[in-house]
């Protein structure tokens, strides 16, 4: 069979489809066979773009991290920058909650994840934090954000906020943070 004149696949299309599968059905639903079927190609075609399924997952995870804004460092006080970055990071994870367990494993060698870590670390060092402390602060924030995306309130309140009012007066106000 001859190759089509225009490529059926691109790295971007593979990543977008993989992320859509993970978003809709979770990490376990992603397989090269399933991905190939969704893309209307045969499995081996994927290997022209990605050598392994793990590399596809890495690219999908990095696509989520590319949505995170790190430009606050250097423009704002480090405390404000850290908060704004954390919110941007949390928003990106909230848009793709099913990939959070994979992202929580660490940046690995994913370019966007490493660039994000570098921007946070650099912003903290430039603000005067010692190198070791900057590493700890950045990691703690990353763990806090990833953990909150996995936690019991990751998808919001299970009841109307009024449910919490009488019994949990402080928690009843937590919905105001969103």
C-alpha atoms as a PDB file:
ATOM      1  CA  UNK A   1       0.000   0.000   0.000  1.00  0.00           C
ATOM      2  CA  UNK A   2       1.378   3.405  -0.974  1.00  0.00           C
ATOM      3  CA  UNK A   3       1.809   6.150   1.598  1.00  0.00           C
ATOM      4  CA  UNK A   4      -0.744   8.970   1.487  1.00  0.00           C
ATOM      5  CA  UNK A   5       0.444  12.313   0.112  1.00  0.00           C
ATOM      6  CA  UNK A   6      -0.401  14.071   3.348  1.00  0.00           C
ATOM      7  CA  UNK A   7       0.574  12.472   6.609  1.00  0.00           C
ATOM      8  CA  UNK A   8      -2.286  10.996   8.605  1.00  0.00           C
ATOM      9  CA  UNK A   9      -0.382  11.434  11.830  1.00  0.00           C
ATOM     10  CA  UNK A  10       1.618  14.069  13.588  1.00  0.00           C
ATOM     11  CA  UNK A  11       3.093  14.119  17.061  1.00  0.00           C
ATOM     12  CA  UNK A  12       0.593  16.818  17.996  1.00  0.00           C
ATOM     13  CA  UNK A  13      -2.402  14.784  16.811  1.00  0.00           C
ATOM     14  CA  UNK A  14      -1.182  11.677  18.628  1.00  0.00           C
ATOM     15  CA  UNK A  15      -0.650  13.627  21.855  1.00  0.00           C
ATOM     16  CA  UNK A  16      -4.025  15.387  21.649  1.00  0.00           C
ATOM     17  CA  UNK A  17      -5.834  12.100  21.069  1.00  0.00           C
ATOM     18  CA  UNK A  18      -3.923  10.333  23.846  1.00  0.00           C
ATOM     19  CA  UNK A  19      -4.769  13.137  26.256  1.00  0.00           C
ATOM     20  CA  UNK A  20      -8.433  13.015  25.205  1.00  0.00           C
ATOM     21  CA  UNK A  21      -8.549   9.275  25.982  1.00  0.00           C
ATOM     22  CA  UNK A  22      -6.890   9.793  29.372  1.00  0.00           C
ATOM     23  CA  UNK A  23      -9.206  12.724  30.159  1.00  0.00           C
ATOM     24  CA  UNK A  24     -12.320  10.731  29.278  1.00  0.00           C
ATOM     25  CA  UNK A  25     -11.447   7.298  30.650  1.00  0.00           C
ATOM     26  CA  UNK A  26      -8.276   7.429  32.728  1.00  0.00           C
ATOM     27  CA  UNK A  27      -4.680   6.295  32.343  1.00  0.00           C
ATOM     28  CA  UNK A  28      -5.528   2.596  32.119  1.00  0.00           C
ATOM     29  CA  UNK A  29      -7.656   3.191  29.016  1.00  0.00           C
ATOM     30  CA  UNK A  30      -4.664   4.368  27.000  1.00  0.00           C
ATOM     31  CA  UNK A  31      -2.999   1.675  24.924  1.00  0.00           C
ATOM     32  CA  UNK A  32      -1.237   1.907  21.591  1.00  0.00           C
ATOM     33  CA  UNK A  33      -3.945  -0.280  20.060  1.00  0.00           C
ATOM     34  CA  UNK A  34      -6.710   1.975  21.380  1.00  0.00           C
ATOM     35  CA  UNK A  35      -4.850   5.105  20.327  1.00  0.00           C
ATOM     36  CA  UNK A  36      -4.250   3.760  16.817  1.00  0.00           C
ATOM     37  CA  UNK A  37      -7.933   2.847  16.492  1.00  0.00           C
ATOM     38  CA  UNK A  38      -9.008   6.341  17.563  1.00  0.00           C
ATOM     39  CA  UNK A  39      -6.607   7.844  15.031  1.00  0.00           C
ATOM     40  CA  UNK A  40      -7.749   5.520  12.239  1.00  0.00           C
ATOM     41  CA  UNK A  41      -4.316   3.972  11.711  1.00  0.00           C
ATOM     42  CA  UNK A  42      -2.538   0.734  12.542  1.00  0.00           C
ATOM     43  CA  UNK A  43      -0.516   0.480  15.748  1.00  0.00           C
ATOM     44  CA  UNK A  44       2.943   0.383  14.177  1.00  0.00           C
ATOM     45  CA  UNK A  45       2.293   3.790  12.576  1.00  0.00           C
ATOM     46  CA  UNK A  46       2.566   5.368  16.018  1.00  0.00           C
ATOM     47  CA  UNK A  47       6.145   4.155  16.358  1.00  0.00           C
ATOM     48  CA  UNK A  48       7.231   6.437  13.517  1.00  0.00           C
ATOM     49  CA  UNK A  49       6.526   9.304  15.925  1.00  0.00           C
ATOM     50  CA  UNK A  50       7.035   7.792  19.399  1.00  0.00           C
ATOM     51  CA  UNK A  51       9.165   4.721  20.160  1.00  0.00           C
ATOM     52  CA  UNK A  52       7.030   3.651  23.156  1.00  0.00           C
ATOM     53  CA  UNK A  53       3.688   4.195  24.840  1.00  0.00           C
ATOM     54  CA  UNK A  54       5.570   5.731  27.776  1.00  0.00           C
ATOM     55  CA  UNK A  55       6.930   8.430  25.475  1.00  0.00           C
ATOM     56  CA  UNK A  56       3.397   9.173  24.296  1.00  0.00           C
ATOM     57  CA  UNK A  57       2.317   9.522  27.936  1.00  0.00           C
ATOM     58  CA  UNK A  58       5.324  11.750  28.643  1.00  0.00           C
ATOM     59  CA  UNK A  59       4.351  13.996  25.735  1.00  0.00           C
ATOM     60  CA  UNK A  60       0.708  14.128  26.870  1.00  0.00           C
ATOM     61  CA  UNK A  61       1.810  15.032  30.402  1.00  0.00           C
ATOM     62  CA  UNK A  62       4.122  17.700  29.028  1.00  0.00           C
ATOM     63  CA  UNK A  63       1.258  19.128  26.961  1.00  0.00           C
ATOM     64  CA  UNK A  64      -0.603  19.716  30.229  1.00  0.00           C
ATOM     65  CA  UNK A  65       2.434  21.351  31.852  1.00  0.00           C
ATOM     66  CA  UNK A  66       2.892  23.619  28.815  1.00  0.00           C
ATOM     67  CA  UNK A  67      -0.382  25.274  29.891  1.00  0.00           C
ATOM     68  CA  UNK A  68       1.178  26.422  33.186  1.00  0.00           C
ATOM     69  CA  UNK A  69       2.246  30.067  33.334  1.00  0.00           C
ATOM     70  CA  UNK A  70       5.626  30.620  34.997  1.00  0.00           C
ATOM     71  CA  UNK A  71       6.095  34.177  33.745  1.00  0.00           C
ATOM     72  CA  UNK A  72       5.226  35.634  37.156  1.00  0.00           C
ATOM     73  CA  UNK A  73       8.736  35.074  38.487  1.00  0.00           C
ATOM     74  CA  UNK A  74      10.865  38.170  38.033  1.00  0.00           C
ATOM     75  CA  UNK A  75       7.802  40.353  37.462  1.00  0.00           C
ATOM     76  CA  UNK A  76       6.284  40.094  40.941  1.00  0.00           C
ATOM     77  CA  UNK A  77       7.439  39.604  44.500  1.00  0.00           C
ATOM     78  CA  UNK A  78       8.378  35.923  44.917  1.00  0.00           C
ATOM     79  CA  UNK A  79       5.397  35.297  47.245  1.00  0.00           C
ATOM     80  CA  UNK A  80       2.920  36.612  44.703  1.00  0.00           C
ATOM     81  CA  UNK A  81       4.700  34.828  41.852  1.00  0.00           C
ATOM     82  CA  UNK A  82       4.635  31.541  43.754  1.00  0.00           C
ATOM     83  CA  UNK A  83       0.909  31.902  44.453  1.00  0.00           C
ATOM     84  CA  UNK A  84       0.069  32.825  40.845  1.00  0.00           C
ATOM     85  CA  UNK A  85       2.196  29.982  39.494  1.00  0.00           C
ATOM     86  CA  UNK A  86       0.530  27.567  41.925  1.00  0.00           C
ATOM     87  CA  UNK A  87      -2.911  28.694  40.764  1.00  0.00           C
ATOM     88  CA  UNK A  88      -1.951  28.339  37.104  1.00  0.00           C
ATOM     89  CA  UNK A  89      -0.491  24.897  37.803  1.00  0.00           C
ATOM     90  CA  UNK A  90      -3.617  23.845  39.703  1.00  0.00           C
ATOM     91  CA  UNK A  91      -5.856  25.083  36.878  1.00  0.00           C
ATOM     92  CA  UNK A  92      -3.897  23.013  34.339  1.00  0.00           C
ATOM     93  CA  UNK A  93      -4.188  19.904  36.506  1.00  0.00           C
ATOM     94  CA  UNK A  94      -7.879  20.504  37.174  1.00  0.00           C
ATOM     95  CA  UNK A  95      -8.495  20.555  33.416  1.00  0.00           C
ATOM     96  CA  UNK A  96      -6.864  17.104  33.106  1.00  0.00           C
ATOM     97  CA  UNK A  97      -7.357  15.336  36.462  1.00  0.00           C
ATOM     98  CA  UNK A  98      -6.846  11.816  35.127  1.00  0.00           C
ATOM     99  CA  UNK A  99      -3.226  12.489  34.194  1.00  0.00           C
ATOM    100  CA  UNK A 100      -2.328  13.888  37.630  1.00  0.00           C
ATOM    101  CA  UNK A 101      -1.193  10.503  39.048  1.00  0.00           C
ATOM    102  CA  UNK A 102       1.299  10.230  36.187  1.00  0.00           C
ATOM    103  CA  UNK A 103       2.484  13.820  36.641  1.00  0.00           C
ATOM    104  CA  UNK A 104       2.843  13.298  40.393  1.00  0.00           C
ATOM    105  CA  UNK A 105       5.703  10.876  39.707  1.00  0.00           C
ATOM    106  CA  UNK A 106       7.954  13.838  38.929  1.00  0.00           C
ATOM    107  CA  UNK A 107       9.225  15.711  35.886  1.00  0.00           C
ATOM    108  CA  UNK A 108      11.386  12.899  34.541  1.00  0.00           C
ATOM    109  CA  UNK A 109      13.009  14.224  31.387  1.00  0.00           C
ATOM    110  CA  UNK A 110       9.952  15.999  30.039  1.00  0.00           C
ATOM    111  CA  UNK A 111      11.027  19.371  28.584  1.00  0.00           C
ATOM    112  CA  UNK A 112       8.023  21.447  29.722  1.00  0.00           C
ATOM    113  CA  UNK A 113       8.136  19.977  33.232  1.00  0.00           C
ATOM    114  CA  UNK A 114      11.856  20.670  33.504  1.00  0.00           C
ATOM    115  CA  UNK A 115      11.388  24.204  32.129  1.00  0.00           C
ATOM    116  CA  UNK A 116       8.671  24.829  34.720  1.00  0.00           C
ATOM    117  CA  UNK A 117      10.878  23.543  37.545  1.00  0.00           C
ATOM    118  CA  UNK A 118      13.769  25.643  36.260  1.00  0.00           C
ATOM    119  CA  UNK A 119      11.637  28.805  36.098  1.00  0.00           C
ATOM    120  CA  UNK A 120      10.353  28.326  39.644  1.00  0.00           C
ATOM    121  CA  UNK A 121      13.788  27.477  41.021  1.00  0.00           C
ATOM    122  CA  UNK A 122      15.393  30.390  39.153  1.00  0.00           C
ATOM    123  CA  UNK A 123      12.714  32.810  40.315  1.00  0.00           C
ATOM    124  CA  UNK A 124      13.231  31.820  43.934  1.00  0.00           C
ATOM    125  CA  UNK A 125      17.042  31.996  43.714  1.00  0.00           C
ATOM    126  CA  UNK A 126      16.797  35.389  42.009  1.00  0.00           C
ATOM    127  CA  UNK A 127      14.559  36.525  44.893  1.00  0.00           C
ATOM    128  CA  UNK A 128      17.356  35.699  47.326  1.00  0.00           C
ATOM    129  CA  UNK A 129      16.554  32.179  48.445  1.00  0.00           C
ATOM    130  CA  UNK A 130      19.553  29.865  48.917  1.00  0.00           C
ATOM    131  CA  UNK A 131      19.753  27.151  46.259  1.00  0.00           C
ATOM    132  CA  UNK A 132      18.785  24.310  48.613  1.00  0.00           C
ATOM    133  CA  UNK A 133      15.799  26.222  50.000  1.00  0.00           C
ATOM    134  CA  UNK A 134      14.635  27.205  46.514  1.00  0.00           C
ATOM    135  CA  UNK A 135      14.667  23.533  45.546  1.00  0.00           C
ATOM    136  CA  UNK A 136      12.644  22.614  48.627  1.00  0.00           C
ATOM    137  CA  UNK A 137      10.118  25.427  48.197  1.00  0.00           C
ATOM    138  CA  UNK A 138       9.535  24.601  44.531  1.00  0.00           C
ATOM    139  CA  UNK A 139       9.162  20.891  45.257  1.00  0.00           C
ATOM    140  CA  UNK A 140       6.838  21.490  48.201  1.00  0.00           C
ATOM    141  CA  UNK A 141       4.593  23.709  46.106  1.00  0.00           C
ATOM    142  CA  UNK A 142       4.552  21.159  43.285  1.00  0.00           C
ATOM    143  CA  UNK A 143       3.610  18.392  45.737  1.00  0.00           C
ATOM    144  CA  UNK A 144       0.978  20.581  47.371  1.00  0.00           C
ATOM    145  CA  UNK A 145      -0.626  21.437  44.045  1.00  0.00           C
ATOM    146  CA  UNK A 146      -0.495  17.870  42.703  1.00  0.00           C
ATOM    147  CA  UNK A 147      -1.809  16.530  45.996  1.00  0.00           C
ATOM    148  CA  UNK A 148      -4.664  19.007  46.046  1.00  0.00           C
ATOM    149  CA  UNK A 149      -5.587  17.926  42.533  1.00  0.00           C
ATOM    150  CA  UNK A 150      -5.763  14.325  43.773  1.00  0.00           C
ATOM    151  CA  UNK A 151      -7.353  15.097  47.133  1.00  0.00           C
ATOM    152  CA  UNK A 152     -10.868  14.808  48.455  1.00  0.00           C
ATOM    153  CA  UNK A 153     -11.833  18.327  47.359  1.00  0.00           C
ATOM    154  CA  UNK A 154     -10.172  18.088  43.946  1.00  0.00           C
ATOM    155  CA  UNK A 155     -13.534  18.028  42.228  1.00  0.00           C
ATOM    156  CA  UNK A 156     -15.191  20.410  44.677  1.00  0.00           C
ATOM    157  CA  UNK A 157     -17.724  19.939  47.421  1.00  0.00           C
ATOM    158  CA  UNK A 158     -19.690  16.696  47.487  1.00  0.00           C
ATOM    159  CA  UNK A 159     -22.680  18.527  48.925  1.00  0.00           C
ATOM    160  CA  UNK A 160     -23.982  22.043  48.674  1.00  0.00           C
ATOM    161  CA  UNK A 161     -21.884  24.388  50.842  1.00  0.00           C
ATOM    162  CA  UNK A 162     -24.911  24.814  53.127  1.00  0.00           C
ATOM    163  CA  UNK A 163     -24.463  21.180  54.174  1.00  0.00           C
ATOM    164  CA  UNK A 164     -21.266  22.180  55.975  1.00  0.00           C
ATOM    165  CA  UNK A 165     -22.554  25.396  57.602  1.00  0.00           C
ATOM    166  CA  UNK A 166     -23.793  24.315  61.009  1.00  0.00           C
ATOM    167  CA  UNK A 167     -21.466  21.391  61.611  1.00  0.00           C
ATOM    168  CA  UNK A 168     -18.275  22.750  60.032  1.00  0.00           C
ATOM    169  CA  UNK A 169     -18.337  26.553  60.175  1.00  0.00           C
ATOM    170  CA  UNK A 170     -14.813  27.068  58.811  1.00  0.00           C
ATOM    171  CA  UNK A 171     -15.093  24.500  56.053  1.00  0.00           C
ATOM    172  CA  UNK A 172     -18.370  26.058  54.955  1.00  0.00           C
ATOM    173  CA  UNK A 173     -16.344  29.065  53.795  1.00  0.00           C
ATOM    174  CA  UNK A 174     -13.818  27.025  51.791  1.00  0.00           C
ATOM    175  CA  UNK A 175     -15.980  27.094  48.677  1.00  0.00           C
ATOM    176  CA  UNK A 176     -15.335  30.839  48.515  1.00  0.00           C
ATOM    177  CA  UNK A 177     -11.691  30.137  47.592  1.00  0.00           C
ATOM    178  CA  UNK A 178     -12.551  28.777  44.159  1.00  0.00           C
END
